[in-house]
Every structure is written in C-alpha cells, then in structure tokens.
Amino acid sequence: MGSRIWVPGLCSGCKDDSQPGMRLSQVHHDAGAAPLYVCEPCIRGLEEPRPAHNAAAI
C-alpha cells in the first residue's frame, strides 16, 4: 500500500493487534492522549466509496 509506515499497535477499528497498523492520529481524552492505529483491512474499508454518503451530498 504505497509508502505507508506500518508499526505494531492495536487497531482502533477491529481491535486486532496481530498485524501491523498505521498511526493515523492521536486521540485526546480526560486521562491524556493515545495514538490511533488502523490495520490495512480497516484502512481499505475507510477508503471504499460510500454510495449513500455520496448520494446525500448531491
């Protein structure tokens, strides 16, 4: 998947920690902050077109 950097971490999407993920951001909460990691299958799901969303934007 291109030049993405994959690192160990718990996927915030599917909660899987058996495969590498990509750090997307940092999530801030009352107790501090935590990194937001997403594995490749979850990233693919995020990249898929959303027909319902696209139709609502027309």
PDB file of N, CA and C in Angstrom:
ATOM      1  N   MET A   1       0.825  -1.196   0.000  1.00  0.00           N
ATOM      2  CA  MET A   1       0.000   0.000   0.000  1.00  0.00           C
ATOM      3  C   MET A   1       0.864   1.252   0.000  1.00  0.00           C
ATOM      4  N   GLY A   2       1.665   1.429  -0.995  1.00  0.00           N
ATOM      5  CA  GLY A   2       2.426   2.651  -1.144  1.00  0.00           C
ATOM      6  C   GLY A   2       3.513   2.829  -0.107  1.00  0.00           C
ATOM      7  N   SER A   3       3.757   4.061   0.286  1.00  0.00           N
ATOM      8  CA  SER A   3       4.842   4.381   1.213  1.00  0.00           C
ATOM      9  C   SER A   3       4.355   4.534   2.652  1.00  0.00           C
ATOM     10  N   ARG A   4       3.304   3.891   3.001  1.00  0.00           N
ATOM     11  CA  ARG A   4       2.791   3.968   4.372  1.00  0.00           C
ATOM     12  C   ARG A   4       3.739   3.260   5.324  1.00  0.00           C
ATOM     13  N   ILE A   5       3.830   3.748   6.540  1.00  0.00           N
ATOM     14  CA  ILE A   5       4.695   3.157   7.549  1.00  0.00           C
ATOM     15  C   ILE A   5       3.837   2.315   8.487  1.00  0.00           C
ATOM     16  N   TRP A   6       4.104   1.002   8.532  1.00  0.00           N
ATOM     17  CA  TRP A   6       3.342   0.068   9.334  1.00  0.00           C
ATOM     18  C   TRP A   6       4.106  -0.226  10.617  1.00  0.00           C
ATOM     19  N   VAL A   7       3.432  -0.160  11.741  1.00  0.00           N
ATOM     20  CA  VAL A   7       4.048  -0.380  13.051  1.00  0.00           C
ATOM     21  C   VAL A   7       3.144  -1.264  13.909  1.00  0.00           C
ATOM     22  N   PRO A   8       3.699  -1.923  14.924  1.00  0.00           N
ATOM     23  CA  PRO A   8       2.867  -2.703  15.839  1.00  0.00           C
ATOM     24  C   PRO A   8       1.942  -1.781  16.629  1.00  0.00           C
ATOM     25  N   GLY A   9       0.727  -2.219  16.837  1.00  0.00           N
ATOM     26  CA  GLY A   9      -0.231  -1.446  17.628  1.00  0.00           C
ATOM     27  C   GLY A   9      -1.609  -2.059  17.542  1.00  0.00           C
ATOM     28  N   LEU A  10      -2.474  -1.716  18.466  1.00  0.00           N
ATOM     29  CA  LEU A  10      -3.843  -2.221  18.491  1.00  0.00           C
ATOM     30  C   LEU A  10      -4.696  -1.415  17.513  1.00  0.00           C
ATOM     31  N   CYS A  11      -5.344  -2.093  16.579  1.00  0.00           N
ATOM     32  CA  CYS A  11      -6.204  -1.415  15.602  1.00  0.00           C
ATOM     33  C   CYS A  11      -7.419  -0.829  16.315  1.00  0.00           C
ATOM     34  N   SER A  12      -7.649   0.432  16.093  1.00  0.00           N
ATOM     35  CA  SER A  12      -8.802   1.094  16.711  1.00  0.00           C
ATOM     36  C   SER A  12     -10.107   0.708  16.031  1.00  0.00           C
ATOM     37  N   GLY A  13     -10.022   0.131  14.831  1.00  0.00           N
ATOM     38  CA  GLY A  13     -11.219  -0.279  14.112  1.00  0.00           C
ATOM     39  C   GLY A  13     -11.716  -1.650  14.528  1.00  0.00           C
ATOM     40  N   CYS A  14     -10.850  -2.669  14.384  1.00  0.00           N
ATOM     41  CA  CYS A  14     -11.285  -4.052  14.633  1.00  0.00           C
ATOM     42  C   CYS A  14     -10.697  -4.638  15.923  1.00  0.00           C
ATOM     43  N   LYS A  15      -9.880  -3.863  16.626  1.00  0.00           N
ATOM     44  CA  LYS A  15      -9.262  -4.266  17.905  1.00  0.00           C
ATOM     45  C   LYS A  15      -8.275  -5.417  17.746  1.00  0.00           C
ATOM     46  N   ASP A  16      -7.755  -5.626  16.531  1.00  0.00           N
ATOM     47  CA  ASP A  16      -6.783  -6.693  16.264  1.00  0.00           C
ATOM     48  C   ASP A  16      -5.376  -6.154  16.516  1.00  0.00           C
ATOM     49  N   ASP A  17      -4.567  -6.903  17.252  1.00  0.00           N
ATOM     50  CA  ASP A  17      -3.183  -6.480  17.452  1.00  0.00           C
ATOM     51  C   ASP A  17      -2.205  -7.498  16.861  1.00  0.00           C
ATOM     52  N   SER A  18      -2.703  -8.398  16.000  1.00  0.00           N
ATOM     53  CA  SER A  18      -1.854  -9.432  15.428  1.00  0.00           C
ATOM     54  C   SER A  18      -1.190  -8.997  14.123  1.00  0.00           C
ATOM     55  N   GLN A  19      -1.566  -7.856  13.585  1.00  0.00           N
ATOM     56  CA  GLN A  19      -0.948  -7.373  12.357  1.00  0.00           C
ATOM     57  C   GLN A  19      -0.574  -5.909  12.513  1.00  0.00           C
ATOM     58  N   PRO A  20       0.380  -5.437  11.728  1.00  0.00           N
ATOM     59  CA  PRO A  20       0.809  -4.047  11.874  1.00  0.00           C
ATOM     60  C   PRO A  20      -0.289  -3.071  11.474  1.00  0.00           C
ATOM     61  N   GLY A  21      -0.199  -1.901  12.009  1.00  0.00           N
ATOM     62  CA  GLY A  21      -1.151  -0.853  11.695  1.00  0.00           C
ATOM     63  C   GLY A  21      -0.429   0.428  11.330  1.00  0.00           C
ATOM     64  N   MET A  22      -1.190   1.401  10.899  1.00  0.00           N
ATOM     65  CA  MET A  22      -0.641   2.704  10.559  1.00  0.00           C
ATOM     66  C   MET A  22      -1.206   3.717  11.543  1.00  0.00           C
ATOM     67  N   ARG A  23      -0.339   4.534  12.087  1.00  0.00           N
ATOM     68  CA  ARG A  23      -0.800   5.558  13.019  1.00  0.00           C
ATOM     69  C   ARG A  23      -1.450   6.678  12.217  1.00  0.00           C
ATOM     70  N   LEU A  24      -2.733   6.918  12.480  1.00  0.00           N
ATOM     71  CA  LEU A  24      -3.466   7.945  11.753  1.00  0.00           C
ATOM     72  C   LEU A  24      -3.475   9.278  12.486  1.00  0.00           C
ATOM     73  N   SER A  25      -3.543   9.219  13.797  1.00  0.00           N
ATOM     74  CA  SER A  25      -3.721  10.448  14.558  1.00  0.00           C
ATOM     75  C   SER A  25      -3.481  10.160  16.027  1.00  0.00           C
ATOM     76  N   GLN A  26      -3.814  11.119  16.843  1.00  0.00           N
ATOM     77  CA  GLN A  26      -3.771  10.965  18.291  1.00  0.00           C
ATOM     78  C   GLN A  26      -5.143  11.363  18.827  1.00  0.00           C
ATOM     79  N   VAL A  27      -5.658  10.561  19.747  1.00  0.00           N
ATOM     80  CA  VAL A  27      -6.971  10.808  20.334  1.00  0.00           C
ATOM     81  C   VAL A  27      -6.763  11.399  21.725  1.00  0.00           C
ATOM     82  N   HIS A  28      -7.396  12.522  21.984  1.00  0.00           N
ATOM     83  CA  HIS A  28      -7.277  13.174  23.287  1.00  0.00           C
ATOM     84  C   HIS A  28      -8.526  12.888  24.122  1.00  0.00           C
ATOM     85  N   HIS A  29      -8.309  12.613  25.404  1.00  0.00           N
ATOM     86  CA  HIS A  29      -9.416  12.325  26.317  1.00  0.00           C
ATOM     87  C   HIS A  29      -9.051  12.846  27.695  1.00  0.00           C
ATOM     88  N   ASP A  30      -9.936  12.692  28.666  1.00  0.00           N
ATOM     89  CA  ASP A  30      -9.723  13.234  30.006  1.00  0.00           C
ATOM     90  C   ASP A  30      -8.434  12.740  30.666  1.00  0.00           C
ATOM     91  N   ALA A  31      -8.051  11.507  30.381  1.00  0.00           N
ATOM     92  CA  ALA A  31      -6.868  10.924  31.016  1.00  0.00           C
ATOM     93  C   ALA A  31      -5.573  11.251  30.261  1.00  0.00           C
ATOM     94  N   GLY A  32      -5.665  11.916  29.133  1.00  0.00           N
ATOM     95  CA  GLY A  32      -4.471  12.259  28.364  1.00  0.00           C
ATOM     96  C   GLY A  32      -4.701  12.076  26.877  1.00  0.00           C
ATOM     97  N   ALA A  33      -3.783  11.361  26.234  1.00  0.00           N
ATOM     98  CA  ALA A  33      -3.883  11.136  24.795  1.00  0.00           C
ATOM     99  C   ALA A  33      -3.382   9.733  24.468  1.00  0.00           C
ATOM    100  N   ALA A  34      -3.859   9.194  23.367  1.00  0.00           N
ATOM    101  CA  ALA A  34      -3.441   7.866  22.928  1.00  0.00           C
ATOM    102  C   ALA A  34      -3.348   7.864  21.409  1.00  0.00           C
ATOM    103  N   PRO A  35      -2.410   7.089  20.852  1.00  0.00           N
ATOM    104  CA  PRO A  35      -2.310   7.021  19.391  1.00  0.00           C
ATOM    105  C   PRO A  35      -3.489   6.259  18.792  1.00  0.00           C
ATOM    106  N   LEU A  36      -3.874   6.637  17.597  1.00  0.00           N
ATOM    107  CA  LEU A  36      -4.949   5.978  16.861  1.00  0.00           C
ATOM    108  C   LEU A  36      -4.310   5.184  15.727  1.00  0.00           C
ATOM    109  N   TYR A  37      -4.326   3.848  15.839  1.00  0.00           N
ATOM    110  CA  TYR A  37      -3.771   2.959  14.826  1.00  0.00           C
ATOM    111  C   TYR A  37      -4.894   2.264  14.087  1.00  0.00           C
ATOM    112  N   VAL A  38      -4.693   2.002  12.785  1.00  0.00           N
ATOM    113  CA  VAL A  38      -5.670   1.263  11.987  1.00  0.00           C
ATOM    114  C   VAL A  38      -4.911   0.270  11.110  1.00  0.00           C
ATOM    115  N   CYS A  39      -5.369  -0.984  11.088  1.00  0.00           N
ATOM    116  CA  CYS A  39      -4.720  -2.025  10.283  1.00  0.00           C
ATOM    117  C   CYS A  39      -5.101  -1.865   8.806  1.00  0.00           C
ATOM    118  N   GLU A  40      -4.398  -2.584   7.945  1.00  0.00           N
ATOM    119  CA  GLU A  40      -4.618  -2.457   6.500  1.00  0.00           C
ATOM    120  C   GLU A  40      -6.055  -2.797   6.082  1.00  0.00           C
ATOM    121  N   PRO A  41      -6.665  -3.893   6.570  1.00  0.00           N
ATOM    122  CA  PRO A  41      -8.056  -4.160   6.174  1.00  0.00           C
ATOM    123  C   PRO A  41      -9.013  -3.034   6.582  1.00  0.00           C
ATOM    124  N   CYS A  42      -8.808  -2.448   7.752  1.00  0.00           N
ATOM    125  CA  CYS A  42      -9.683  -1.355   8.184  1.00  0.00           C
ATOM    126  C   CYS A  42      -9.432  -0.090   7.363  1.00  0.00           C
ATOM    127  N   ILE A  43      -8.177   0.145   6.981  1.00  0.00           N
ATOM    128  CA  ILE A  43      -7.888   1.294   6.116  1.00  0.00           C
ATOM    129  C   ILE A  43      -8.567   1.108   4.770  1.00  0.00           C
ATOM    130  N   ARG A  44      -8.499  -0.108   4.222  1.00  0.00           N
ATOM    131  CA  ARG A  44      -9.189  -0.369   2.948  1.00  0.00           C
ATOM    132  C   ARG A  44     -10.673  -0.065   3.074  1.00  0.00           C
ATOM    133  N   GLY A  45     -11.273  -0.450   4.207  1.00  0.00           N
ATOM    134  CA  GLY A  45     -12.689  -0.159   4.426  1.00  0.00           C
ATOM    135  C   GLY A  45     -12.963   1.333   4.489  1.00  0.00           C
ATOM    136  N   LEU A  46     -12.047   2.095   5.089  1.00  0.00           N
ATOM    137  CA  LEU A  46     -12.218   3.545   5.161  1.00  0.00           C
ATOM    138  C   LEU A  46     -12.072   4.201   3.793  1.00  0.00           C
ATOM    139  N   GLU A  47     -11.268   3.590   2.913  1.00  0.00           N
ATOM    140  CA  GLU A  47     -11.019   4.164   1.591  1.00  0.00           C
ATOM    141  C   GLU A  47     -12.115   3.833   0.580  1.00  0.00           C
ATOM    142  N   GLU A  48     -12.966   2.854   0.893  1.00  0.00           N
ATOM    143  CA  GLU A  48     -14.032   2.478  -0.039  1.00  0.00           C
ATOM    144  C   GLU A  48     -15.029   3.623  -0.193  1.00  0.00           C
ATOM    145  N   PRO A  49     -15.528   3.806  -1.411  1.00  0.00           N
ATOM    146  CA  PRO A  49     -16.551   4.837  -1.629  1.00  0.00           C
ATOM    147  C   PRO A  49     -17.804   4.524  -0.805  1.00  0.00           C
ATOM    148  N   ARG A  50     -18.452   5.510  -0.353  1.00  0.00           N
ATOM    149  CA  ARG A  50     -19.694   5.384   0.424  1.00  0.00           C
ATOM    150  C   ARG A  50     -20.846   5.918  -0.423  1.00  0.00           C
ATOM    151  N   PRO A  51     -21.509   5.017  -1.182  1.00  0.00           N
ATOM    152  CA  PRO A  51     -22.574   5.473  -2.083  1.00  0.00           C
ATOM    153  C   PRO A  51     -23.660   6.289  -1.378  1.00  0.00           C
ATOM    154  N   ALA A  52     -24.087   5.880  -0.203  1.00  0.00           N
ATOM    155  CA  ALA A  52     -25.151   6.611   0.491  1.00  0.00           C
ATOM    156  C   ALA A  52     -24.673   8.017   0.846  1.00  0.00           C
ATOM    157  N   HIS A  53     -23.448   8.130   1.295  1.00  0.00           N
ATOM    158  CA  HIS A  53     -22.888   9.443   1.643  1.00  0.00           C
ATOM    159  C   HIS A  53     -22.755  10.302   0.397  1.00  0.00           C
ATOM    160  N   ASN A  54     -22.265   9.725  -0.705  1.00  0.00           N
ATOM    161  CA  ASN A  54     -22.092  10.476  -1.942  1.00  0.00           C
ATOM    162  C   ASN A  54     -23.418  10.946  -2.498  1.00  0.00           C
ATOM    163  N   ALA A  55     -24.465  10.101  -2.400  1.00  0.00           N
ATOM    164  CA  ALA A  55     -25.778  10.489  -2.910  1.00  0.00           C
ATOM    165  C   ALA A  55     -26.377  11.620  -2.079  1.00  0.00           C
ATOM    166  N   ALA A  56     -26.128  11.617  -0.787  1.00  0.00           N
ATOM    167  CA  ALA A  56     -26.668  12.670   0.072  1.00  0.00           C
ATOM    168  C   ALA A  56     -26.002  14.011  -0.209  1.00  0.00           C
ATOM    169  N   ALA A  57     -24.786  13.994  -0.732  1.00  0.00           N
ATOM    170  CA  ALA A  57     -24.049  15.231  -0.990  1.00  0.00           C
ATOM    171  C   ALA A  57     -24.505  15.903  -2.283  1.00  0.00           C
ATOM    172  N   ILE A  58     -25.289  15.200  -3.101  1.00  0.00           N
ATOM    173  CA  ILE A  58     -25.731  15.764  -4.396  1.00  0.00           C
ATOM    174  C   ILE A  58     -26.870  16.712  -4.198  1.00  0.00           C
TER     175      ILE A  58
END
